Structure formats: C-alpha cells, structure tokens
Amino acid sequence: MRNSRDSNRNNRNNRNNNQKKQLFSKKFKSCPFTGKYAPKIDYKNVKLLERYISEKGKIIPSRISFVSSSKQRLLSKAIKKARTLALISHVGKSR
C-alpha cells in the first residue's frame, strides 16, 4: 500500500514540475532584419520605418522591438534621415 502511495506522489510531483517548466519558458525572438528574406533598412521605405516609431514620435527601443543593436543603429539613422527630408513627421501621429 505504501509503495503505491509513494508512486502516486512522485507522478504528481513530476506533472507539477513539467507544468512549471512550460509556464516560464519563452520562445527566443530573433531580429526581424536578419535572415534570408528580411527587408532592407532604407530611409525611403516609410511604411517600414513607421512600424518602429511610437504614437508620440519616439523611436521604439530594441528591447521592445527585438531588433539587434547593429540594426537598431541603422534603423535610427534611417528614421532621422527620413525626418530631415520630411518623409516622416517629427511629432507623433495627429489626431
């Protein structure tokens, strides 16, 4: 009787451990600009650049957008260049 109770307890503990592992495991996100068919960062591609600008007009940080640091630098330079050429507004989206 005691062995069956111990085996049931072990099964329950194993199930709980598996559920805890699944709850906290996150899928690794890669940079959207690296890869075979990734879009090129260009100041003329306004539609792409606007995805990385917040509603208030700020550049979204790489920890939120998951862009690598080297590509984030290129992205910010492209956004700033598009702003100086008046392709993108400096202020956020108007109401």
Protein backbone atom coordinates (compact mmCIF):
# COMPACT_ATOMS: atom_id res chain seq x y z
CA MET A 1 0.00 0.00 0.00
CA ARG A 2 2.77 2.40 0.88
CA ASN A 3 4.59 1.88 -2.45
CA SER A 4 1.53 2.77 -4.50
CA ARG A 5 1.04 5.95 -2.45
CA ASP A 6 4.67 6.96 -2.97
CA SER A 7 4.47 6.30 -6.70
CA ASN A 8 1.31 8.44 -6.96
CA ARG A 9 3.05 11.27 -5.11
CA ASN A 10 6.07 11.05 -7.45
CA ASN A 11 3.82 11.16 -10.52
CA ARG A 12 2.06 14.23 -9.15
CA ASN A 13 5.38 15.97 -8.47
CA ASN A 14 6.64 15.19 -11.98
CA ARG A 15 3.47 16.63 -13.51
CA ASN A 16 3.80 19.83 -11.45
CA ASN A 17 7.44 20.24 -12.47
CA ASN A 18 6.55 19.83 -16.15
CA GLN A 19 3.80 22.43 -15.88
CA LYS A 20 6.14 24.91 -14.19
CA LYS A 21 8.70 24.49 -16.95
CA GLN A 22 6.08 25.15 -19.61
CA LEU A 23 4.72 28.23 -17.86
CA PHE A 24 8.01 30.12 -17.76
CA SER A 25 9.67 29.03 -20.99
CA LYS A 26 9.76 31.82 -23.57
CA LYS A 27 10.40 31.46 -27.24
CA PHE A 28 13.51 33.33 -28.34
CA LYS A 29 12.68 36.17 -30.69
CA SER A 30 15.15 36.96 -33.43
CA CYS A 31 15.87 40.23 -35.17
CA PRO A 32 13.33 40.98 -37.92
CA PHE A 33 16.08 42.43 -40.15
CA THR A 34 18.36 39.38 -40.15
CA GLY A 35 17.61 36.43 -42.36
CA LYS A 36 17.30 35.46 -45.96
CA TYR A 37 14.13 37.37 -46.87
CA ALA A 38 14.46 40.21 -44.36
CA PRO A 39 13.64 43.74 -45.54
CA LYS A 40 16.49 46.20 -46.06
CA ILE A 41 16.62 49.26 -43.83
CA ASP A 42 16.25 52.29 -46.09
CA TYR A 43 15.19 55.85 -45.31
CA LYS A 44 12.86 55.83 -48.35
CA ASN A 45 10.83 52.87 -47.03
CA VAL A 46 8.47 54.96 -44.90
CA LYS A 47 5.97 52.20 -44.22
CA LEU A 48 8.69 50.03 -42.63
CA LEU A 49 10.14 52.89 -40.60
CA GLU A 50 6.75 53.91 -39.19
CA ARG A 51 6.40 50.47 -37.57
CA TYR A 52 9.33 51.37 -35.31
CA ILE A 53 8.06 54.81 -34.28
CA SER A 54 5.63 55.21 -31.36
CA GLU A 55 2.45 57.28 -31.49
CA LYS A 56 4.24 60.19 -29.87
CA GLY A 57 7.00 60.12 -32.48
CA LYS A 58 9.70 58.39 -30.45
CA ILE A 59 11.84 55.56 -31.81
CA ILE A 60 10.84 52.26 -30.19
CA PRO A 61 13.76 50.73 -28.21
CA SER A 62 15.34 47.46 -29.30
CA ARG A 63 14.31 45.63 -26.11
CA ILE A 64 10.69 46.06 -27.18
CA SER A 65 11.07 45.68 -30.94
CA PHE A 66 13.67 42.84 -30.71
CA VAL A 67 15.96 44.48 -33.26
CA SER A 68 19.67 43.70 -32.86
CA SER A 69 21.95 46.52 -31.72
CA SER A 70 23.72 46.99 -35.05
CA LYS A 71 20.42 47.04 -36.97
CA GLN A 72 18.89 49.36 -34.35
CA ARG A 73 21.64 51.89 -35.06
CA LEU A 74 20.96 51.68 -38.80
CA LEU A 75 17.22 51.93 -38.18
CA SER A 76 17.55 55.05 -36.01
CA LYS A 77 19.82 56.71 -38.58
CA ALA A 78 17.32 55.92 -41.35
CA ILE A 79 14.44 57.33 -39.28
CA LYS A 80 16.38 60.51 -38.52
CA LYS A 81 17.33 60.92 -42.18
CA ALA A 82 13.69 60.43 -43.25
CA ARG A 83 12.66 63.06 -40.70
CA THR A 84 15.13 65.64 -42.01
CA LEU A 85 13.89 65.02 -45.56
CA ALA A 86 10.29 65.46 -44.32
CA LEU A 87 9.21 61.92 -45.25
CA ILE A 88 8.18 61.27 -41.62
CA SER A 89 6.91 63.86 -39.17
CA HIS A 90 8.99 64.73 -36.10
CA VAL A 91 5.87 64.82 -33.95
CA GLY A 92 3.61 61.83 -33.48
CA LYS A 93 0.53 60.98 -35.47
CA SER A 94 -2.03 63.77 -35.49
CA ARG A 95 -5.49 63.23 -34.04
